[in-house]
Protein backbone atom coordinates (compact mmCIF):
# COMPACT_ATOMS: atom_id res chain seq x y z
CA MET A 1 143.56 247.28 232.52
CA SER A 2 144.94 248.83 235.71
CA VAL A 3 143.63 252.71 236.34
CA SER A 4 147.47 253.74 235.36
CA ASP A 5 147.02 251.75 231.90
CA ALA A 6 143.87 253.44 231.38
CA ASP A 7 144.64 256.55 232.14
CA ALA A 8 148.24 256.20 230.00
CA ALA A 9 145.67 254.92 226.96
CA ALA A 10 143.21 257.97 227.41
CA SER A 11 146.42 260.48 227.54
CA LEU A 12 147.89 258.70 224.15
CA ALA A 13 144.77 259.10 222.79
CA ARG A 14 144.46 262.81 223.67
CA GLN A 15 148.13 263.67 221.98
CA VAL A 16 147.53 261.29 218.81
CA ASP A 17 143.91 263.07 218.21
CA GLU A 18 145.95 266.75 219.07
CA ALA A 19 148.42 265.54 216.36
CA LEU A 20 145.84 264.30 213.82
CA ARG A 21 144.02 268.19 214.04
CA ARG A 22 147.28 269.42 213.21
CA ARG A 23 147.43 266.94 210.54
CA ASP A 24 150.84 265.75 211.85
CA VAL A 25 150.57 262.22 210.79
CA ARG A 26 154.13 261.40 211.12
CA ALA A 27 153.91 262.50 214.84
CA ALA A 28 150.82 260.67 215.57
CA LEU A 29 152.50 257.39 214.31
CA SER A 30 155.41 257.83 216.52
CA LEU A 31 153.13 258.28 219.33
CA ILE A 32 151.57 254.99 218.83
CA GLU A 33 154.72 253.08 217.83
CA ALA A 34 156.47 254.51 221.04
CA ALA A 35 153.54 252.72 223.09
CA GLU A 36 153.37 249.48 220.55
CA GLN A 37 157.05 248.67 221.89
CA ALA A 38 156.09 248.92 225.47
CA ARG A 39 152.65 247.37 224.77
CA PRO A 40 153.15 245.13 221.98
CA ALA A 41 149.93 243.09 222.56
CA ASP A 42 147.42 245.82 223.24
CA VAL A 43 144.99 245.44 220.33
CA GLY A 44 143.96 249.23 220.88
CA LEU A 45 147.03 250.44 219.87
CA LYS A 46 147.03 248.35 216.66
CA MET A 47 143.01 249.56 216.09
CA GLN A 48 144.42 253.24 216.86
CA LYS A 49 147.48 252.73 214.20
CA ALA A 50 144.93 251.48 211.65
CA VAL A 51 142.74 254.28 211.84
CA THR A 52 145.95 256.97 212.04
CA LEU A 53 147.19 255.19 208.93
CA ARG A 54 143.95 255.38 207.09
CA VAL A 55 143.59 259.14 207.77
CA ALA A 56 147.10 259.51 206.24
CA GLY A 57 145.60 257.86 203.03
CA ASP A 58 148.33 254.57 203.46
CA LEU A 59 145.41 252.25 202.96
CA PRO A 60 147.44 249.00 202.52
CA ALA A 61 149.61 249.59 205.90
CA SER A 62 146.58 250.54 207.67
CA LEU A 63 144.82 246.82 206.54
CA ALA A 64 148.22 245.43 208.13
CA ALA A 65 147.42 247.03 211.30
CA LEU A 66 144.23 245.32 211.55
CA ASP A 67 145.59 241.91 210.75
CA ALA A 68 147.91 242.63 213.59
CA ALA A 69 144.92 243.35 215.70
CA LEU A 70 143.08 240.65 214.46
CA ALA A 71 145.92 237.72 214.97
CA LEU A 72 145.72 238.93 218.64
CA GLU A 73 141.66 238.81 218.71
CA PRO A 74 140.05 237.06 215.68
CA TYR A 75 136.72 237.69 216.74
CA ASN A 76 137.30 241.65 216.95
CA PHE A 77 134.22 243.10 215.45
CA MET A 78 135.55 246.65 214.76
CA ALA A 79 138.89 245.27 213.19
CA LEU A 80 136.87 242.85 210.87
CA LEU A 81 134.32 245.53 209.70
CA GLY A 82 137.23 247.96 209.51
CA LYS A 83 139.42 245.37 207.25
CA GLY A 84 136.36 244.70 205.15
CA ALA A 85 135.83 248.58 204.27
CA LEU A 86 139.37 248.65 203.45
CA LEU A 87 139.26 245.53 201.20
CA GLU A 88 136.24 247.06 199.57
CA ARG A 89 138.22 249.86 198.60
CA LEU A 90 141.67 248.30 197.75
CA ALA A 91 140.14 245.48 196.00
CA GLY A 92 136.53 245.69 195.39
CA GLU A 93 133.21 244.12 196.82
CA ARG A 94 134.13 240.38 196.34
CA ASP A 95 137.11 240.50 197.99
CA ALA A 96 135.41 242.30 201.16
CA ALA A 97 132.22 240.25 200.94
CA GLU A 98 133.77 236.97 202.84
CA VAL A 99 135.43 239.51 205.50
CA TYR A 100 132.16 241.32 205.91
CA ARG A 101 129.92 238.38 206.30
CA ASN A 102 132.25 236.97 209.37
CA ALA A 103 131.74 240.57 210.85
CA LEU A 104 128.50 240.20 210.40
CA LYS A 105 128.38 237.10 212.38
CA ILE A 106 129.37 238.92 215.38
CA ALA A 107 127.65 242.34 215.07
CA PRO A 108 126.32 243.65 218.05
CA ALA A 109 122.13 243.68 217.96
CA ASP A 110 121.67 246.96 218.96
CA ALA A 111 124.68 248.93 217.22
CA PRO A 112 125.45 252.69 218.31
CA PRO A 113 123.88 254.98 215.91
CA GLY A 114 127.55 255.98 214.18
CA LEU A 115 128.09 252.25 213.40
CA ARG A 116 124.57 251.60 211.73
CA PRO A 117 125.27 252.88 207.78
CA ALA A 118 128.53 250.63 208.03
CA ILE A 119 126.94 247.68 209.00
CA ALA A 120 124.18 248.39 206.55
CA ARG A 121 126.78 248.64 203.95
CA ALA A 122 128.37 245.30 204.93
CA ARG A 123 124.93 243.80 204.64
CA GLU A 124 124.65 244.86 201.36
CA VAL A 125 127.82 244.02 199.79
CA VAL A 126 127.38 240.33 201.43
CA GLN A 127 123.70 240.20 199.74
CA LYS A 128 125.11 241.44 196.41
CA SER A 129 128.00 238.93 196.26
CA ALA A 130 125.70 236.00 197.23
CA GLU A 131 123.32 237.33 194.18
CA ALA A 132 126.41 237.42 191.94
CA LEU A 133 127.40 234.03 193.14
CA GLU A 134 123.97 232.17 192.89
CA ALA A 135 123.85 233.55 189.04
CA HIS A 136 127.49 232.54 188.46
CA LEU A 137 126.26 228.65 189.40
CA ARG A 138 123.26 228.71 187.69
CA ARG A 139 125.08 229.78 184.50
CA ARG A 140 127.49 226.95 184.84
CA ILE A 141 125.20 224.40 185.74
CA ALA A 142 122.62 225.43 182.87
CA GLY A 143 120.71 222.17 181.32
CA LEU A 144 122.76 219.53 183.61
CA ASP A 145 119.54 218.69 185.43
CA ALA A 146 117.60 217.61 182.38
CA ASP A 147 117.59 214.29 183.77
CA CYS A 148 116.70 214.88 187.27
CA SER A 149 113.28 214.00 188.93
CA GLY A 150 111.14 216.54 190.47
CA PRO A 151 112.46 215.95 193.86
CA ALA A 152 116.01 216.07 192.68
CA LYS A 153 115.51 219.55 191.16
CA ALA A 154 114.06 220.97 194.17
CA ARG A 155 117.02 219.64 196.16
CA LEU A 156 119.15 221.24 193.83
CA GLU A 157 117.51 224.56 193.95
CA GLU A 158 117.89 224.80 197.60
CA THR A 159 121.42 223.59 197.39
CA VAL A 160 122.23 226.24 195.02
CA ARG A 161 120.79 229.22 197.25
CA VAL A 162 122.77 227.83 200.67
CA PHE A 163 125.90 227.29 198.67
CA SER A 164 125.71 230.76 197.34
CA GLY A 165 125.02 232.25 200.74
CA GLN A 166 121.44 233.04 199.81
CA ALA A 167 119.82 230.81 202.06
CA ARG A 168 120.71 229.19 205.59
CA VAL A 169 120.75 225.32 206.65
CA TYR A 170 117.98 224.56 208.65
CA HIS A 171 117.98 221.55 210.82
CA HIS A 172 115.83 219.75 213.49
CA GLU A 173 115.21 221.74 216.64
CA PRO A 174 112.58 219.52 218.54
CA LEU A 175 111.31 220.91 222.10
CA LEU A 176 111.24 217.39 223.49
CA LEU A 177 112.42 214.33 221.85
CA HIS A 178 115.22 214.29 219.08
CA TYR A 179 115.53 210.76 217.41
CA THR A 180 118.78 210.85 215.78
CA GLN A 181 119.62 209.64 212.04
CA LEU A 182 116.16 210.54 210.74
CA PRO A 183 116.47 212.53 207.57
CA GLU A 184 116.18 216.66 207.85
CA ILE A 185 113.35 217.09 205.51
CA GLY A 186 110.91 219.91 205.59
CA PHE A 187 108.19 219.31 203.12
CA TYR A 188 108.04 215.33 202.30
CA ASP A 189 107.15 213.54 198.82
CA ARG A 190 103.81 212.89 198.65
CA SER A 191 104.79 209.15 197.19
CA LEU A 192 105.39 208.39 200.95
CA PHE A 193 101.75 209.24 201.82
CA PRO A 194 99.41 207.00 199.58
CA TRP A 195 96.63 207.96 201.46
CA LEU A 196 96.51 211.69 201.27
CA GLU A 197 94.45 211.43 197.92
CA THR A 198 91.57 209.85 199.90
CA LEU A 199 91.60 212.25 202.55
CA GLU A 200 91.78 215.30 199.91
CA ALA A 201 88.47 213.53 198.32
CA GLU A 202 86.89 214.05 201.99
CA THR A 203 87.76 218.02 201.91
CA GLU A 204 83.98 218.92 201.67
CA VAL A 205 82.97 216.57 204.33
CA ILE A 206 85.04 217.77 206.68
CA ARG A 207 84.56 221.43 205.88
CA ALA A 208 80.57 220.59 206.29
CA GLU A 209 81.32 219.61 209.67
CA LEU A 210 83.57 222.69 210.12
CA GLU A 211 80.99 224.95 209.26
CA GLY A 212 79.09 223.39 211.96
CA VAL A 213 81.27 224.09 214.66
CA LEU A 214 82.55 227.62 213.51
CA GLN A 215 78.80 229.05 213.90
CA SER A 216 79.38 229.61 217.50
CA ARG A 217 83.09 229.48 217.62
CA GLN A 218 82.30 228.76 221.37
CA ASP A 219 84.84 225.86 221.28
CA PHE A 220 87.53 227.32 219.37
CA ALA A 221 90.58 228.58 221.98
CA PRO A 222 93.55 230.41 221.74
CA TYR A 223 95.97 228.05 220.65
CA ILE A 224 98.81 230.17 222.79
CA ASP A 225 98.21 229.80 226.05
CA PHE A 226 100.91 230.27 228.63
CA PRO A 227 100.31 231.17 231.88
CA PRO A 228 101.27 234.45 233.85
CA GLY A 229 104.90 234.75 234.00
CA ALA A 230 106.01 232.17 231.70
CA PRO A 231 108.33 233.65 229.04
CA VAL A 232 106.39 234.08 225.83
CA ASN A 233 108.96 235.01 223.87
CA GLN A 234 108.02 235.54 220.23
CA TRP A 235 104.00 234.61 220.94
CA GLY A 236 103.61 237.94 222.57
CA GLU A 237 101.19 239.20 220.46
CA LEU A 238 99.41 235.75 220.25
CA ASN A 239 99.44 234.61 223.71
CA HIS A 240 95.52 234.21 224.75
CA SER A 241 94.65 235.74 221.53
CA ALA A 242 91.64 234.58 219.11
CA ARG A 243 93.55 235.49 216.33
CA TRP A 244 94.89 232.02 216.29
CA SER A 245 92.68 229.50 217.79
CA SER A 246 91.91 225.70 217.55
CA TYR A 247 89.47 222.99 217.93
CA PHE A 248 90.54 219.85 218.93
CA LEU A 249 89.55 216.36 218.08
CA TRP A 250 92.30 214.78 219.72
CA ARG A 251 94.83 216.17 221.86
CA ASP A 252 98.06 214.55 223.75
CA GLY A 253 96.69 211.57 222.61
CA GLN A 254 93.35 211.91 224.05
CA ARG A 255 90.25 211.64 222.07
CA GLN A 256 88.03 214.80 222.96
CA GLU A 257 84.77 213.01 222.59
CA GLY A 258 82.45 216.18 222.36
CA ALA A 259 84.35 217.28 219.09
CA CYS A 260 84.14 214.03 217.59
CA THR A 261 80.50 213.59 218.64
CA ALA A 262 80.00 216.95 216.84
CA CYS A 263 82.10 215.95 213.83
CA PRO A 264 81.64 212.31 213.33
CA LYS A 265 82.84 212.01 209.64
CA THR A 266 85.80 213.80 210.12
CA ALA A 267 86.56 211.49 213.13
CA ALA A 268 85.95 208.51 211.17
CA ILE A 269 88.07 209.50 208.54
CA LEU A 270 91.06 210.45 210.90
CA GLU A 271 90.54 206.93 212.45
CA ARG A 272 91.32 205.57 209.06
CA LEU A 273 94.77 207.33 208.74
CA PRO A 274 98.09 206.47 210.19
CA MET A 275 98.08 209.00 212.95
CA ALA A 276 100.93 208.83 215.55
CA ILE A 277 99.72 206.90 218.48
CA GLN A 278 102.02 208.03 221.25
CA PRO A 279 100.09 207.49 224.59
CA GLY A 280 100.12 211.30 226.79
CA PHE A 281 101.81 212.91 223.49
CA ALA A 282 100.05 212.07 220.43
CA PRO A 283 98.12 212.24 218.25
CA THR A 284 96.54 215.99 217.69
CA ALA A 285 94.12 216.68 215.39
CA MET A 286 92.70 219.85 215.36
CA PHE A 287 90.87 222.34 213.27
CA SER A 288 93.39 225.57 212.96
CA ALA A 289 91.67 229.01 212.57
CA LEU A 290 93.42 232.12 211.78
CA GLU A 291 92.13 235.32 211.17
CA ALA A 292 92.81 237.60 208.51
CA LYS A 293 95.96 239.48 208.38
CA THR A 294 97.78 237.51 210.89
CA HIS A 295 101.16 235.93 211.33
CA ILE A 296 102.04 232.88 213.36
CA PRO A 297 106.11 233.30 214.13
CA ALA A 298 108.68 231.00 213.24
CA HIS A 299 108.86 228.26 216.02
CA THR A 300 109.61 224.46 215.81
CA GLY A 301 107.80 221.50 217.36
CA SER A 302 108.30 218.69 219.97
CA THR A 303 109.74 215.89 218.14
CA ASN A 304 110.91 214.17 214.79
CA THR A 305 109.28 211.30 215.50
CA ARG A 306 106.17 212.22 214.16
CA LEU A 307 105.18 214.54 210.98
CA LEU A 308 101.93 217.32 210.55
CA CYS A 309 99.74 216.76 207.73
CA HIS A 310 97.82 219.89 206.85
CA LEU A 311 94.61 219.76 204.67
CA PRO A 312 93.18 223.64 203.79
CA LEU A 313 89.23 223.85 204.68
CA ILE A 314 88.47 227.37 204.18
CA LEU A 315 90.54 229.56 202.10
CA PRO A 316 89.17 233.08 201.41
CA GLY A 317 92.56 234.65 200.09
CA PRO A 318 96.15 234.16 199.95
CA ALA A 319 97.68 232.25 203.03
CA ARG A 320 101.33 230.75 203.07
CA PHE A 321 103.36 228.35 205.07
CA ARG A 322 107.08 228.22 205.27
CA VAL A 323 109.33 225.17 206.10
CA GLY A 324 112.99 225.86 206.48
CA ASN A 325 114.03 227.35 203.11
CA GLN A 326 110.50 226.71 201.46
CA THR A 327 107.15 228.79 201.15
CA ARG A 328 104.20 227.22 199.69
CA SER A 329 100.79 228.33 199.37
CA TRP A 330 97.66 226.43 200.19
CA ARG A 331 95.36 225.48 197.87
CA MET A 332 91.86 223.77 198.36
CA GLY A 333 91.85 220.02 198.02
CA GLU A 334 95.54 219.82 198.42
CA ALA A 335 97.17 218.44 201.47
CA TRP A 336 100.98 218.27 202.41
CA VAL A 337 103.28 216.58 205.13
CA PHE A 338 106.10 218.48 206.69
CA ASP A 339 108.19 217.95 209.90
CA ASP A 340 107.61 220.56 212.31
CA THR A 341 110.86 220.28 213.99
CA ILE A 342 112.35 222.39 211.35
CA GLU A 343 111.41 225.86 211.39
CA HIS A 344 108.34 227.21 209.97
CA GLU A 345 105.82 229.76 210.26
CA ALA A 346 102.68 230.93 208.63
CA TRP A 347 100.41 233.97 207.35
CA ASN A 348 96.75 234.62 206.31
CA ASP A 349 97.17 237.35 203.94
CA ALA A 350 93.61 236.90 203.34
CA GLU A 351 90.91 239.47 204.62
CA ALA A 352 88.91 236.77 206.12
CA LEU A 353 89.34 233.80 208.33
CA ARG A 354 91.77 230.95 207.16
CA VAL A 355 91.11 227.39 208.79
CA ILE A 356 92.79 224.05 207.95
CA LEU A 357 92.96 220.56 209.46
CA ILE A 358 96.15 219.30 211.13
CA PHE A 359 97.02 215.87 212.60
CA ASP A 360 100.51 214.27 213.29
CA ILE A 361 101.21 211.15 211.86
CA TRP A 362 104.27 208.91 212.19
CA ASN A 363 107.72 209.39 210.92
CA PRO A 364 107.57 206.96 207.76
CA TYR A 365 111.69 206.21 208.18
CA LEU A 366 110.64 204.73 211.58
CA GLU A 367 110.49 201.14 211.96
CA PRO A 368 107.51 199.50 213.69
CA ALA A 369 109.73 198.62 216.56
CA GLU A 370 110.86 202.24 216.74
CA ARG A 371 107.75 203.29 217.06
CA GLU A 372 106.99 201.41 220.45
CA LEU A 373 110.57 202.43 221.62
CA VAL A 374 109.59 206.19 220.94
CA CYS A 375 106.36 205.39 223.12
CA ALA A 376 108.42 203.71 225.92
CA LEU A 377 111.24 206.64 225.83
CA LEU A 378 108.35 209.07 226.40
CA ALA A 379 106.38 207.22 229.20
CA ALA A 380 109.68 206.84 231.15
CA ARG A 381 110.39 210.47 230.92
CA ASN A 382 107.02 211.08 232.53
CA ALA A 383 107.56 208.85 234.92
CA PHE A 384 110.94 210.22 235.75
CA LEU A 385 109.44 213.53 236.05
CA GLY A 386 106.54 212.39 237.98
CA HIS A 387 104.08 213.39 235.51
């Protein structure tokens, strides 16, 4: 917009405001419509017209003006938010919800104070609509899942939540290697890992060795360890912090001899399991210690070619773990396997230290030949980068 155009727009706005203060809506609309004839593609004029018509009480005409603005700028946040508010008054929350939902997708992260109540109302309407749709869907399919297996019912549960807008879809977001066409599963079904029961039976053996190395804690180091100047993003509170610390038995494919000597039975148990062997990258196996009332923020792992196994060893109270849309609580004697390239986070809600054993295994959907190819790809990348 040129300086003269900006001056003209400011002058028009003042004249319209003056007319509205006199409650002369007809004069205000005449001014706007005259300007529109000269500038038919001016979105600002259409927004001004919508506000004036709303003040006049002509809500359908105000809605039409907003639609005209959106025809020119479909991603105009103010037009979408205003349209949602008008639809809510004209037709109800259900009709407004979809427009509000689209507005919220492009809402400014730091909205000015004057807009915050309207944005909050949009969120409220969208949430109420999603809850109503979920309840409706559940009523319509009640009893139809009677013949479904446990995993099938779990898939249906998440599908209903996503379909109704109560949950989002989570995808693989690997930091390093994305191997295509592998299934996007958060928590994997136990039936794929028949050795889990053998591992669980060794819980007390592993715990006993853990307690030995916990006595001094000198070999536990902060898990998050960014160098000075590196962007820490969500890790600011945990960077270099002992609140989340680790004791490595294997690290990036290297057996940690001192740790394995201190925990020989644990090392032997791990060596009998199908850990992912990716020279220079995996396996990694460690005791992961999280202090009381500590939260590990949402993040993703390096590659979907391997999965992580958790075995709880010290659980002084409630502790939770989320992968995608599923949140579970750890229970002593129960291990699970999950894909850490799907967004996940953890909470120790207890009043004391929580410790679990973590180690990585191959993704069971990879064929043996593919495992070799994964190793070759990773090695080739390192060679290219001179690592």
